[in-house]
């Protein structure tokens, strides 16, 4: 079962980016959510929201 939240390691695999870029993407998502009044967790973001923001419409299995 996939976790509701996605971390930097999974973001790196999903998007093919560096660890630093993965953390920047997660931070940006969390900033957007915080402005909307949501509680956020540093270093993790809601999987569905992150995928929506980067334009991924379907769930992708990142486990290899």
PDB file of N, CA and C in Angstrom:
ATOM      1  N   UNK A   1       0.848  -1.188   0.000  1.00  0.00           N
ATOM      2  CA  UNK A   1       0.000   0.000   0.000  1.00  0.00           C
ATOM      3  C   UNK A   1       0.883   1.237   0.000  1.00  0.00           C
ATOM      4  N   UNK A   2       0.567   2.159  -0.859  1.00  0.00           N
ATOM      5  CA  UNK A   2       1.317   3.410  -0.934  1.00  0.00           C
ATOM      6  C   UNK A   2       0.912   4.319   0.210  1.00  0.00           C
ATOM      7  N   UNK A   3       1.890   5.051   0.704  1.00  0.00           N
ATOM      8  CA  UNK A   3       1.630   6.030   1.729  1.00  0.00           C
ATOM      9  C   UNK A   3       0.936   7.245   1.099  1.00  0.00           C
ATOM     10  N   UNK A   4       0.124   7.904   1.890  1.00  0.00           N
ATOM     11  CA  UNK A   4      -0.550   9.115   1.436  1.00  0.00           C
ATOM     12  C   UNK A   4       0.478  10.208   1.123  1.00  0.00           C
ATOM     13  N   UNK A   5       1.588  10.211   1.886  1.00  0.00           N
ATOM     14  CA  UNK A   5       2.635  11.218   1.696  1.00  0.00           C
ATOM     15  C   UNK A   5       3.795  10.642   0.895  1.00  0.00           C
ATOM     16  N   UNK A   6       4.390  11.488   0.073  1.00  0.00           N
ATOM     17  CA  UNK A   6       5.558  11.085  -0.710  1.00  0.00           C
ATOM     18  C   UNK A   6       6.783  11.798  -0.146  1.00  0.00           C
ATOM     19  N   UNK A   7       7.894  11.081  -0.052  1.00  0.00           N
ATOM     20  CA  UNK A   7       9.120  11.679   0.481  1.00  0.00           C
ATOM     21  C   UNK A   7      10.090  12.007  -0.655  1.00  0.00           C
ATOM     22  N   UNK A   8      11.248  12.533  -0.306  1.00  0.00           N
ATOM     23  CA  UNK A   8      12.218  12.964  -1.314  1.00  0.00           C
ATOM     24  C   UNK A   8      12.753  11.797  -2.137  1.00  0.00           C
ATOM     25  N   UNK A   9      13.009  10.663  -1.493  1.00  0.00           N
ATOM     26  CA  UNK A   9      13.547   9.503  -2.214  1.00  0.00           C
ATOM     27  C   UNK A   9      12.581   9.044  -3.306  1.00  0.00           C
ATOM     28  N   UNK A  10      11.303   8.947  -2.964  1.00  0.00           N
ATOM     29  CA  UNK A  10      10.301   8.543  -3.950  1.00  0.00           C
ATOM     30  C   UNK A  10      10.134   9.605  -5.038  1.00  0.00           C
ATOM     31  N   UNK A  11      10.210  10.873  -4.645  1.00  0.00           N
ATOM     32  CA  UNK A  11      10.101  11.963  -5.609  1.00  0.00           C
ATOM     33  C   UNK A  11      11.253  11.910  -6.607  1.00  0.00           C
ATOM     34  N   UNK A  12      12.454  11.607  -6.111  1.00  0.00           N
ATOM     35  CA  UNK A  12      13.631  11.473  -6.977  1.00  0.00           C
ATOM     36  C   UNK A  12      13.397  10.383  -8.023  1.00  0.00           C
ATOM     37  N   UNK A  13      12.896   9.236  -7.587  1.00  0.00           N
ATOM     38  CA  UNK A  13      12.654   8.116  -8.488  1.00  0.00           C
ATOM     39  C   UNK A  13      11.534   8.422  -9.477  1.00  0.00           C
ATOM     40  N   UNK A  14      10.479   9.023  -8.989  1.00  0.00           N
ATOM     41  CA  UNK A  14       9.320   9.324  -9.822  1.00  0.00           C
ATOM     42  C   UNK A  14       9.643  10.327 -10.923  1.00  0.00           C
ATOM     43  N   UNK A  15      10.399  11.372 -10.572  1.00  0.00           N
ATOM     44  CA  UNK A  15      10.654  12.459 -11.507  1.00  0.00           C
ATOM     45  C   UNK A  15      12.033  12.423 -12.146  1.00  0.00           C
ATOM     46  N   UNK A  16      12.908  11.575 -11.634  1.00  0.00           N
ATOM     47  CA  UNK A  16      14.262  11.497 -12.177  1.00  0.00           C
ATOM     48  C   UNK A  16      15.068  12.750 -11.914  1.00  0.00           C
ATOM     49  N   UNK A  17      14.943  13.283 -10.687  1.00  0.00           N
ATOM     50  CA  UNK A  17      15.654  14.500 -10.314  1.00  0.00           C
ATOM     51  C   UNK A  17      16.607  14.211  -9.153  1.00  0.00           C
ATOM     52  N   UNK A  18      17.464  15.181  -8.857  1.00  0.00           N
ATOM     53  CA  UNK A  18      18.399  15.046  -7.747  1.00  0.00           C
ATOM     54  C   UNK A  18      17.659  15.175  -6.410  1.00  0.00           C
ATOM     55  N   UNK A  19      18.361  14.818  -5.349  1.00  0.00           N
ATOM     56  CA  UNK A  19      17.774  14.912  -4.017  1.00  0.00           C
ATOM     57  C   UNK A  19      17.425  16.367  -3.676  1.00  0.00           C
ATOM     58  N   UNK A  20      18.324  17.282  -3.996  1.00  0.00           N
ATOM     59  CA  UNK A  20      18.069  18.693  -3.726  1.00  0.00           C
ATOM     60  C   UNK A  20      16.837  19.212  -4.450  1.00  0.00           C
ATOM     61  N   UNK A  21      16.693  18.829  -5.710  1.00  0.00           N
ATOM     62  CA  UNK A  21      15.528  19.258  -6.486  1.00  0.00           C
ATOM     63  C   UNK A  21      14.251  18.633  -5.933  1.00  0.00           C
ATOM     64  N   UNK A  22      14.329  17.389  -5.498  1.00  0.00           N
ATOM     65  CA  UNK A  22      13.161  16.720  -4.914  1.00  0.00           C
ATOM     66  C   UNK A  22      12.688  17.485  -3.678  1.00  0.00           C
ATOM     67  N   UNK A  23      13.634  17.888  -2.829  1.00  0.00           N
ATOM     68  CA  UNK A  23      13.258  18.658  -1.640  1.00  0.00           C
ATOM     69  C   UNK A  23      12.681  20.021  -2.010  1.00  0.00           C
ATOM     70  N   UNK A  24      13.188  20.649  -3.055  1.00  0.00           N
ATOM     71  CA  UNK A  24      12.645  21.938  -3.500  1.00  0.00           C
ATOM     72  C   UNK A  24      11.209  21.784  -3.987  1.00  0.00           C
ATOM     73  N   UNK A  25      10.937  20.721  -4.729  1.00  0.00           N
ATOM     74  CA  UNK A  25       9.589  20.471  -5.240  1.00  0.00           C
ATOM     75  C   UNK A  25       8.628  20.224  -4.083  1.00  0.00           C
ATOM     76  N   UNK A  26       9.059  19.414  -3.121  1.00  0.00           N
ATOM     77  CA  UNK A  26       8.227  19.134  -1.951  1.00  0.00           C
ATOM     78  C   UNK A  26       7.977  20.421  -1.164  1.00  0.00           C
ATOM     79  N   UNK A  27       9.015  21.230  -0.974  1.00  0.00           N
ATOM     80  CA  UNK A  27       8.863  22.492  -0.242  1.00  0.00           C
ATOM     81  C   UNK A  27       7.885  23.425  -0.948  1.00  0.00           C
ATOM     82  N   UNK A  28       7.955  23.486  -2.271  1.00  0.00           N
ATOM     83  CA  UNK A  28       7.033  24.339  -3.023  1.00  0.00           C
ATOM     84  C   UNK A  28       5.591  23.872  -2.845  1.00  0.00           C
ATOM     85  N   UNK A  29       5.375  22.567  -2.937  1.00  0.00           N
ATOM     86  CA  UNK A  29       4.027  22.026  -2.723  1.00  0.00           C
ATOM     87  C   UNK A  29       3.536  22.369  -1.322  1.00  0.00           C
ATOM     88  N   UNK A  30       4.404  22.205  -0.326  1.00  0.00           N
ATOM     89  CA  UNK A  30       4.011  22.499   1.050  1.00  0.00           C
ATOM     90  C   UNK A  30       3.724  23.978   1.258  1.00  0.00           C
ATOM     91  N   UNK A  31       4.468  24.850   0.604  1.00  0.00           N
ATOM     92  CA  UNK A  31       4.196  26.290   0.710  1.00  0.00           C
ATOM     93  C   UNK A  31       2.821  26.610   0.131  1.00  0.00           C
ATOM     94  N   UNK A  32       2.508  26.026  -1.015  1.00  0.00           N
ATOM     95  CA  UNK A  32       1.199  26.248  -1.639  1.00  0.00           C
ATOM     96  C   UNK A  32       0.081  25.760  -0.725  1.00  0.00           C
ATOM     97  N   UNK A  33       0.265  24.580  -0.143  1.00  0.00           N
ATOM     98  CA  UNK A  33      -0.758  24.026   0.741  1.00  0.00           C
ATOM     99  C   UNK A  33      -0.897  24.844   2.022  1.00  0.00           C
ATOM    100  N   UNK A  34       0.214  25.324   2.565  1.00  0.00           N
ATOM    101  CA  UNK A  34       0.175  26.142   3.784  1.00  0.00           C
ATOM    102  C   UNK A  34      -0.597  27.437   3.540  1.00  0.00           C
ATOM    103  N   UNK A  35      -0.413  28.030   2.360  1.00  0.00           N
ATOM    104  CA  UNK A  35      -1.147  29.262   2.023  1.00  0.00           C
ATOM    105  C   UNK A  35      -2.648  29.012   1.970  1.00  0.00           C
ATOM    106  N   UNK A  36      -3.032  27.775   1.650  1.00  0.00           N
ATOM    107  CA  UNK A  36      -4.450  27.404   1.604  1.00  0.00           C
ATOM    108  C   UNK A  36      -4.969  26.995   2.977  1.00  0.00           C
ATOM    109  N   UNK A  37      -4.089  26.995   3.983  1.00  0.00           N
ATOM    110  CA  UNK A  37      -4.512  26.691   5.344  1.00  0.00           C
ATOM    111  C   UNK A  37      -4.307  25.252   5.781  1.00  0.00           C
ATOM    112  N   UNK A  38      -3.635  24.452   4.976  1.00  0.00           N
ATOM    113  CA  UNK A  38      -3.396  23.056   5.338  1.00  0.00           C
ATOM    114  C   UNK A  38      -2.171  22.926   6.235  1.00  0.00           C
ATOM    115  N   UNK A  39      -2.180  21.897   7.053  1.00  0.00           N
ATOM    116  CA  UNK A  39      -1.011  21.554   7.858  1.00  0.00           C
ATOM    117  C   UNK A  39      -0.080  20.752   6.978  1.00  0.00           C
ATOM    118  N   UNK A  40       1.217  21.055   7.021  1.00  0.00           N
ATOM    119  CA  UNK A  40       2.187  20.342   6.191  1.00  0.00           C
ATOM    120  C   UNK A  40       3.259  19.700   7.060  1.00  0.00           C
ATOM    121  N   UNK A  41       3.936  18.727   6.501  1.00  0.00           N
ATOM    122  CA  UNK A  41       5.033  18.045   7.181  1.00  0.00           C
ATOM    123  C   UNK A  41       6.284  18.257   6.355  1.00  0.00           C
ATOM    124  N   UNK A  42       7.306  18.814   6.973  1.00  0.00           N
ATOM    125  CA  UNK A  42       8.553  19.109   6.274  1.00  0.00           C
ATOM    126  C   UNK A  42       9.167  17.833   5.693  1.00  0.00           C
ATOM    127  N   UNK A  43       9.538  17.907   4.421  1.00  0.00           N
ATOM    128  CA  UNK A  43      10.188  16.774   3.762  1.00  0.00           C
ATOM    129  C   UNK A  43       9.235  15.762   3.157  1.00  0.00           C
ATOM    130  N   UNK A  44       7.935  15.991   3.315  1.00  0.00           N
ATOM    131  CA  UNK A  44       6.931  15.105   2.739  1.00  0.00           C
ATOM    132  C   UNK A  44       5.787  15.949   2.200  1.00  0.00           C
ATOM    133  N   UNK A  45       5.137  15.435   1.169  1.00  0.00           N
ATOM    134  CA  UNK A  45       4.002  16.146   0.586  1.00  0.00           C
ATOM    135  C   UNK A  45       2.933  15.121   0.218  1.00  0.00           C
ATOM    136  N   UNK A  46       1.685  15.543   0.146  1.00  0.00           N
ATOM    137  CA  UNK A  46       0.645  14.618  -0.294  1.00  0.00           C
ATOM    138  C   UNK A  46       0.954  14.110  -1.714  1.00  0.00           C
ATOM    139  N   UNK A  47       0.987  12.808  -1.865  1.00  0.00           N
ATOM    140  CA  UNK A  47       1.336  12.166  -3.134  1.00  0.00           C
ATOM    141  C   UNK A  47       0.464  12.674  -4.291  1.00  0.00           C
ATOM    142  N   UNK A  48      -0.834  12.684  -4.093  1.00  0.00           N
ATOM    143  CA  UNK A  48      -1.759  13.078  -5.161  1.00  0.00           C
ATOM    144  C   UNK A  48      -1.532  14.533  -5.562  1.00  0.00           C
ATOM    145  N   UNK A  49      -1.312  15.407  -4.585  1.00  0.00           N
ATOM    146  CA  UNK A  49      -1.097  16.829  -4.878  1.00  0.00           C
ATOM    147  C   UNK A  49       0.194  17.036  -5.659  1.00  0.00           C
ATOM    148  N   UNK A  50       1.270  16.403  -5.229  1.00  0.00           N
ATOM    149  CA  UNK A  50       2.550  16.553  -5.921  1.00  0.00           C
ATOM    150  C   UNK A  50       2.443  16.055  -7.361  1.00  0.00           C
ATOM    151  N   UNK A  51       1.823  14.897  -7.531  1.00  0.00           N
ATOM    152  CA  UNK A  51       1.692  14.341  -8.881  1.00  0.00           C
ATOM    153  C   UNK A  51       0.839  15.242  -9.767  1.00  0.00           C
ATOM    154  N   UNK A  52      -0.197  15.817  -9.196  1.00  0.00           N
ATOM    155  CA  UNK A  52      -1.044  16.742  -9.948  1.00  0.00           C
ATOM    156  C   UNK A  52      -0.254  17.974 -10.376  1.00  0.00           C
ATOM    157  N   UNK A  53       0.556  18.508  -9.462  1.00  0.00           N
ATOM    158  CA  UNK A  53       1.316  19.732  -9.740  1.00  0.00           C
ATOM    159  C   UNK A  53       2.398  19.536 -10.785  1.00  0.00           C
ATOM    160  N   UNK A  54       2.938  18.322 -10.905  1.00  0.00           N
ATOM    161  CA  UNK A  54       3.963  18.074 -11.919  1.00  0.00           C
ATOM    162  C   UNK A  54       3.358  17.479 -13.193  1.00  0.00           C
ATOM    163  N   UNK A  55       2.037  17.337 -13.226  1.00  0.00           N
ATOM    164  CA  UNK A  55       1.361  16.923 -14.447  1.00  0.00           C
ATOM    165  C   UNK A  55       1.274  15.428 -14.667  1.00  0.00           C
ATOM    166  N   UNK A  56       1.349  14.655 -13.595  1.00  0.00           N
ATOM    167  CA  UNK A  56       1.197  13.205 -13.724  1.00  0.00           C
ATOM    168  C   UNK A  56      -0.236  12.862 -13.365  1.00  0.00           C
ATOM    169  N   UNK A  57      -0.947  12.274 -14.321  1.00  0.00           N
ATOM    170  CA  UNK A  57      -2.369  11.991 -14.129  1.00  0.00           C
ATOM    171  C   UNK A  57      -2.643  10.618 -13.538  1.00  0.00           C
ATOM    172  N   UNK A  58      -1.750   9.660 -13.762  1.00  0.00           N
ATOM    173  CA  UNK A  58      -2.002   8.309 -13.281  1.00  0.00           C
ATOM    174  C   UNK A  58      -0.978   7.919 -12.225  1.00  0.00           C
ATOM    175  N   UNK A  59      -1.330   6.963 -11.406  1.00  0.00           N
ATOM    176  CA  UNK A  59      -0.424   6.489 -10.376  1.00  0.00           C
ATOM    177  C   UNK A  59       0.663   5.652 -11.026  1.00  0.00           C
ATOM    178  N   UNK A  60       1.908   5.940 -10.668  1.00  0.00           N
ATOM    179  CA  UNK A  60       3.058   5.253 -11.230  1.00  0.00           C
ATOM    180  C   UNK A  60       3.737   4.457 -10.136  1.00  0.00           C
ATOM    181  N   UNK A  61       4.048   3.193 -10.398  1.00  0.00           N
ATOM    182  CA  UNK A  61       4.745   2.360  -9.428  1.00  0.00           C
ATOM    183  C   UNK A  61       6.227   2.679  -9.500  1.00  0.00           C
ATOM    184  N   UNK A  62       6.780   3.309  -8.445  1.00  0.00           N
ATOM    185  CA  UNK A  62       8.188   3.704  -8.450  1.00  0.00           C
ATOM    186  C   UNK A  62       9.085   2.624  -7.842  1.00  0.00           C
ATOM    187  N   UNK A  63       8.492   1.572  -7.311  1.00  0.00           N
ATOM    188  CA  UNK A  63       9.268   0.465  -6.746  1.00  0.00           C
ATOM    189  C   UNK A  63       9.868  -0.345  -7.895  1.00  0.00           C
ATOM    190  N   UNK A  64      11.176  -0.501  -7.887  1.00  0.00           N
ATOM    191  CA  UNK A  64      11.826  -1.272  -8.950  1.00  0.00           C
ATOM    192  C   UNK A  64      12.718  -2.330  -8.366  1.00  0.00           C
TER     193      UNK A  64
END
